[in-house]
């Protein structure tokens, strides 16, 4: 073979190698984009689940606070009535 043929084969190999490299890059890039999108969807789903759980916990906490508030009101009313009865008893004992 002469030097021109060897040079032509070398150039063809370089061009073919570059073409294969570009195709491989594009293929891997598409896979990476798909993997990133999939990972992002999984993360988003997990965050949504965490958010839903937190919202449920907050609602349960609000219900507990409301229940306690109602009980405190009842205890305060009962305490006022008890103090009135004690004041009456004290008045009877001291003769007022």
Protein backbone atom coordinates (compact mmCIF):
# COMPACT_ATOMS: atom_id res chain seq x y z
CA UNK A 1 0.00 0.00 0.00
CA UNK A 2 1.12 3.45 -0.66
CA UNK A 3 1.19 6.30 1.83
CA UNK A 4 -1.95 7.93 0.41
CA UNK A 5 -4.01 4.79 1.02
CA UNK A 6 -2.71 4.47 4.57
CA UNK A 7 -3.47 8.16 5.21
CA UNK A 8 -6.98 7.76 3.75
CA UNK A 9 -7.66 4.68 5.94
CA UNK A 10 -6.38 6.62 8.97
CA UNK A 11 -8.66 9.57 8.22
CA UNK A 12 -11.64 7.24 7.72
CA UNK A 13 -10.91 5.55 11.06
CA UNK A 14 -10.72 8.94 12.78
CA UNK A 15 -14.01 10.08 11.24
CA UNK A 16 -15.69 6.75 12.08
CA UNK A 17 -14.37 6.92 15.65
CA UNK A 18 -15.63 10.49 16.05
CA UNK A 19 -19.04 9.49 14.66
CA UNK A 20 -19.29 6.53 17.06
CA UNK A 21 -18.21 8.79 19.93
CA UNK A 22 -20.94 11.32 19.12
CA UNK A 23 -23.58 8.57 18.89
CA UNK A 24 -22.45 7.10 22.20
CA UNK A 25 -22.53 10.53 23.84
CA UNK A 26 -26.07 11.19 22.60
CA UNK A 27 -27.27 7.77 23.71
CA UNK A 28 -25.77 8.14 27.18
CA UNK A 29 -27.06 11.70 27.49
CA UNK A 30 -30.63 10.52 26.80
CA UNK A 31 -30.25 7.76 29.39
CA UNK A 32 -28.92 10.26 31.92
CA UNK A 33 -31.86 12.59 31.28
CA UNK A 34 -34.31 9.70 31.73
CA UNK A 35 -32.57 8.58 34.94
CA UNK A 36 -32.57 12.14 36.30
CA UNK A 37 -36.26 12.52 35.48
CA UNK A 38 -37.03 9.21 37.16
CA UNK A 39 -35.02 10.12 40.26
CA UNK A 40 -36.73 13.50 40.38
CA UNK A 41 -40.16 11.86 40.18
CA UNK A 42 -39.29 9.47 43.02
CA UNK A 43 -38.03 12.33 45.19
CA UNK A 44 -41.12 14.41 44.41
CA UNK A 45 -43.39 11.47 45.32
CA UNK A 46 -41.57 10.92 48.60
CA UNK A 47 -41.81 14.62 49.46
CA UNK A 48 -45.53 14.58 48.68
CA UNK A 49 -45.97 11.59 51.00
CA UNK A 50 -44.01 13.31 53.76
CA UNK A 51 -46.07 16.46 53.28
CA UNK A 52 -49.32 14.47 53.48
CA UNK A 53 -48.15 12.78 56.68
CA UNK A 54 -47.22 16.12 58.22
CA UNK A 55 -50.59 17.58 57.30
CA UNK A 56 -52.34 14.64 58.96
CA UNK A 57 -50.19 15.08 62.09
CA UNK A 58 -50.96 18.80 62.20
CA UNK A 59 -54.71 18.17 61.92
CA UNK A 60 -54.53 15.57 64.69
CA UNK A 61 -52.58 18.01 66.87
CA UNK A 62 -55.16 20.74 66.22
CA UNK A 63 -57.93 18.35 67.25
CA UNK A 64 -56.08 17.52 70.48
CA UNK A 65 -55.56 21.21 71.26
CA UNK A 66 -59.23 21.92 70.59
CA UNK A 67 -60.24 19.06 72.89
CA UNK A 68 -57.92 20.31 75.63
CA UNK A 69 -59.23 23.86 75.25
CA UNK A 70 -62.78 22.63 75.71
CA UNK A 71 -61.74 20.65 78.80
CA UNK A 72 -59.94 23.67 80.29
CA UNK A 73 -63.09 25.76 79.84
CA UNK A 74 -65.14 23.10 81.66
CA UNK A 75 -62.58 22.88 84.47
CA UNK A 76 -62.55 26.68 84.85
CA UNK A 77 -66.35 26.76 85.08
CA UNK A 78 -66.33 23.96 87.63
CA UNK A 79 -63.61 25.74 89.61
CA UNK A 80 -65.65 28.96 89.70
CA UNK A 81 -68.68 27.05 91.00
CA UNK A 82 -66.55 25.33 93.63
CA UNK A 83 -65.12 28.67 94.80
CA UNK A 84 -68.62 30.11 95.09
CA UNK A 85 -69.69 27.13 97.21
CA UNK A 86 -66.54 27.47 99.35
CA UNK A 87 -67.22 31.18 99.83
CA UNK A 88 -70.78 30.35 100.95
CA UNK A 89 -69.50 27.68 103.34
CA UNK A 90 -66.91 30.13 104.71
CA UNK A 91 -69.65 32.70 105.25
CA UNK A 92 -71.74 30.12 107.13
CA UNK A 93 -68.80 29.05 109.28
CA UNK A 94 -67.76 32.60 110.16
CA UNK A 95 -71.34 33.68 110.65
CA UNK A 96 -71.56 36.32 107.93
